[in-house]
Every structure is written in C-alpha cells, then in structure tokens.
C-alpha cells in the first residue's frame, strides 16, 4: 500500500510541476498600464515616450531624445501578440530616419514577467532586460539592464512622468 501511495504522490507532484510550468498566457491588454505620453529630463536630453493603448493584437510606441534643440535618436517599438505571449520588437534611428538595425533584424524581447503594473522583457541572449513599472497614476519607470563588453551588468533607470 505504501508503494502505491508513494507512486501516486510522485505522479501528482510531477503533474503539479508540469501544470505550474505551463505557458504564461500573457495578453496584450494586460500591458495597458504602459499607455500614455511619458516625459523625462535626462543627462542624455529631453525624452518623450508615447505608448498607444492596446489595439487588436498589438501596442505601438514612439520615442525621441532631444538635446539642445536637436534630436539625438529615435525609437519605434511594437509589441505584438501572434502565436503566444506578447513580443517586443524595437528599432533605433539617427536623425534623418537612418536605421541602426538591419531591415529584417529588429531587437526582439520576450515578455518574461507580468503583473498588474509591471512588465519585464528580455532578449534571447539574456543580455538585455527592459522593465516597465507603473509606480503611481503619473509615474512610470523604464529600467534598462544590459551587459557591457566585459559582461558587467549596467543599469539605467528612466523615471518618466505622465504628460498632462
């Protein structure tokens, strides 16, 4: 009897672990806390990041950094949900809309953590993480964590304020 009870406990434990490890089922609408026009005065320049609300299976963002009245760089970001969890795809541009990335190779980040007010995205190489965390009705932090050429983790926190 003890052997069959032990076997049953092991089977239930294994099925429990499998159920726990199932697909996260993150939904694009759960990222709506990011929507808005966010601004920040930073040493790099004046920053503005606009996030449109979820629409269909996606969200879009445009970003610009301006210093001394001149653009430093732009970003265009999409978060798409197609066959699974939402995925962020990002491209950078110099003034004149000159792309940094090849046309078929945007930076891609998988959504790995999602709560009511926080989303963490990570690249496939686990070298870059982007965290968006809404800290109040008018504040959101964007945290960029990336490894430098020596493998040391660098962390920048961009503390945005919602534009009225």
Protein backbone atom coordinates (compact mmCIF):
# COMPACT_ATOMS: atom_id res chain seq x y z
CA UNK A 1 0.00 0.00 0.00
CA UNK A 2 2.82 2.40 0.83
CA UNK A 3 4.46 1.80 -2.56
CA UNK A 4 1.28 2.65 -4.45
CA UNK A 5 0.67 5.69 -2.23
CA UNK A 6 4.26 6.85 -2.79
CA UNK A 7 3.90 6.33 -6.53
CA UNK A 8 0.65 8.33 -6.52
CA UNK A 9 2.32 11.20 -4.65
CA UNK A 10 5.23 11.24 -7.14
CA UNK A 11 2.83 11.26 -10.11
CA UNK A 12 0.76 14.08 -8.61
CA UNK A 13 3.93 16.05 -7.85
CA UNK A 14 5.19 15.68 -11.43
CA UNK A 15 1.82 16.70 -12.92
CA UNK A 16 1.73 19.64 -10.49
CA UNK A 17 5.15 20.80 -11.67
CA UNK A 18 4.10 20.49 -15.30
CA UNK A 19 0.95 22.49 -14.67
CA UNK A 20 2.99 25.17 -12.90
CA UNK A 21 5.42 25.36 -15.84
CA UNK A 22 2.67 25.78 -18.43
CA UNK A 23 2.52 28.71 -20.84
CA UNK A 24 2.15 32.03 -19.06
CA UNK A 25 -0.77 33.22 -21.22
CA UNK A 26 0.19 36.88 -21.06
CA UNK A 27 -2.24 39.07 -23.00
CA UNK A 28 -1.57 42.32 -24.84
CA UNK A 29 -4.43 44.03 -22.97
CA UNK A 30 -2.59 43.37 -19.68
CA UNK A 31 0.04 45.90 -20.83
CA UNK A 32 -2.45 48.79 -20.94
CA UNK A 33 -0.83 50.32 -17.83
CA UNK A 34 2.01 51.45 -20.13
CA UNK A 35 -0.26 53.62 -22.33
CA UNK A 36 0.29 57.37 -22.29
CA UNK A 37 2.80 60.03 -23.20
CA UNK A 38 5.74 59.89 -20.80
CA UNK A 39 8.40 62.59 -20.41
CA UNK A 40 11.73 62.94 -18.66
CA UNK A 41 14.60 65.44 -18.45
CA UNK A 42 17.77 63.34 -18.50
CA UNK A 43 21.50 63.87 -18.99
CA UNK A 44 21.11 62.39 -22.48
CA UNK A 45 18.47 65.03 -23.27
CA UNK A 46 14.73 65.63 -23.05
CA UNK A 47 12.94 62.32 -23.57
CA UNK A 48 9.40 61.60 -24.69
CA UNK A 49 7.99 58.09 -24.99
CA UNK A 50 4.48 57.62 -26.31
CA UNK A 51 2.68 54.30 -25.81
CA UNK A 52 -0.63 53.83 -27.58
CA UNK A 53 -3.21 51.65 -25.84
CA UNK A 54 -3.61 48.01 -26.88
CA UNK A 55 -5.48 47.72 -30.17
CA UNK A 56 -6.15 44.32 -31.68
CA UNK A 57 -3.09 42.17 -31.08
CA UNK A 58 -0.56 45.00 -30.63
CA UNK A 59 0.71 48.15 -28.95
CA UNK A 60 2.99 50.75 -30.54
CA UNK A 61 5.46 53.23 -29.12
CA UNK A 62 7.47 56.10 -30.48
CA UNK A 63 10.36 57.66 -28.58
CA UNK A 64 12.57 60.65 -29.10
CA UNK A 65 15.53 62.13 -27.28
CA UNK A 66 16.30 65.81 -27.94
CA UNK A 67 19.31 67.72 -26.57
CA UNK A 68 19.92 71.42 -27.09
CA UNK A 69 17.03 71.54 -29.56
CA UNK A 70 18.42 68.74 -31.77
CA UNK A 71 17.36 65.12 -31.97
CA UNK A 72 19.84 62.62 -30.55
CA UNK A 73 17.95 59.49 -31.68
CA UNK A 74 14.50 57.95 -32.14
CA UNK A 75 12.95 54.56 -31.41
CA UNK A 76 9.95 52.80 -32.85
CA UNK A 77 8.63 49.88 -30.81
CA UNK A 78 5.85 47.38 -31.36
CA UNK A 79 4.56 44.74 -29.01
CA UNK A 80 2.75 42.05 -30.96
CA UNK A 81 0.86 39.03 -29.78
CA UNK A 82 0.59 36.47 -32.55
CA UNK A 83 1.09 32.82 -31.54
CA UNK A 84 1.72 33.08 -27.82
CA UNK A 85 2.86 35.70 -25.39
CA UNK A 86 3.43 39.33 -26.47
CA UNK A 87 6.84 40.05 -28.04
CA UNK A 88 8.51 43.48 -28.19
CA UNK A 89 10.33 44.50 -31.38
CA UNK A 90 12.44 47.66 -31.32
CA UNK A 91 14.30 49.74 -33.88
CA UNK A 92 16.53 52.78 -33.37
CA UNK A 93 17.04 55.67 -35.77
CA UNK A 94 19.54 58.52 -36.10
CA UNK A 95 18.35 61.95 -37.24
CA UNK A 96 17.10 61.72 -40.81
CA UNK A 97 15.40 58.38 -40.05
CA UNK A 98 18.62 56.42 -40.60
CA UNK A 99 18.07 52.98 -39.05
CA UNK A 100 20.63 51.38 -36.76
CA UNK A 101 19.35 47.83 -37.27
CA UNK A 102 19.07 45.84 -40.50
CA UNK A 103 15.59 45.97 -42.01
CA UNK A 104 14.80 42.36 -41.09
CA UNK A 105 16.55 42.29 -37.69
CA UNK A 106 14.85 44.41 -35.04
CA UNK A 107 15.85 43.95 -31.41
CA UNK A 108 13.41 41.36 -30.04
CA UNK A 109 12.43 40.89 -26.41
CA UNK A 110 10.15 38.24 -24.92
CA UNK A 111 7.76 39.14 -22.12
CA UNK A 112 9.00 37.11 -19.13
CA UNK A 113 7.24 38.74 -16.14
CA UNK A 114 3.87 40.48 -16.00
CA UNK A 115 1.96 41.86 -13.04
CA UNK A 116 -0.81 44.45 -12.79
CA UNK A 117 1.71 47.31 -13.07
CA UNK A 118 4.99 45.76 -14.22
CA UNK A 119 6.27 44.11 -17.40
CA UNK A 120 9.75 42.66 -17.91
CA UNK A 121 11.06 41.93 -21.40
CA UNK A 122 14.30 40.05 -22.13
CA UNK A 123 16.29 39.32 -25.28
CA UNK A 124 17.08 35.74 -26.35
CA UNK A 125 20.74 36.02 -25.29
CA UNK A 126 19.70 37.18 -21.80
CA UNK A 127 21.99 40.20 -22.19
CA UNK A 128 19.32 42.91 -22.14
CA UNK A 129 16.23 43.38 -19.95
CA UNK A 130 13.68 46.17 -20.23
CA UNK A 131 11.32 46.67 -17.31
CA UNK A 132 8.31 48.99 -17.41
CA UNK A 133 6.83 49.59 -13.97
CA UNK A 134 3.96 51.94 -13.25
CA UNK A 135 4.71 53.30 -9.76
CA UNK A 136 1.73 55.69 -9.47
CA UNK A 137 -1.02 57.22 -11.58
CA UNK A 138 1.51 59.69 -13.07
CA UNK A 139 4.87 57.87 -12.78
CA UNK A 140 6.43 55.00 -14.67
CA UNK A 141 9.99 53.71 -14.55
CA UNK A 142 11.69 52.19 -17.55
CA UNK A 143 14.69 50.19 -16.38
CA UNK A 144 17.32 49.17 -18.93
CA UNK A 145 19.68 46.43 -17.80
CA UNK A 146 22.37 45.30 -20.21
CA UNK A 147 25.73 43.65 -20.12
CA UNK A 148 28.68 45.70 -21.33
CA UNK A 149 31.51 44.29 -23.47
CA UNK A 150 33.15 42.83 -20.36
CA UNK A 151 29.92 41.10 -19.27
CA UNK A 152 29.30 43.51 -16.40
CA UNK A 153 25.65 44.44 -15.85
CA UNK A 154 24.84 48.12 -16.42
CA UNK A 155 21.55 49.53 -15.15
CA UNK A 156 19.84 52.77 -16.18
CA UNK A 157 16.56 53.90 -14.63
CA UNK A 158 14.41 56.33 -16.59
CA UNK A 159 11.82 57.83 -14.23
CA UNK A 160 9.04 59.10 -16.51
CA UNK A 161 6.14 61.39 -15.66
CA UNK A 162 2.82 61.18 -17.47
CA UNK A 163 2.30 64.23 -19.67
CA UNK A 164 -0.95 66.03 -18.78
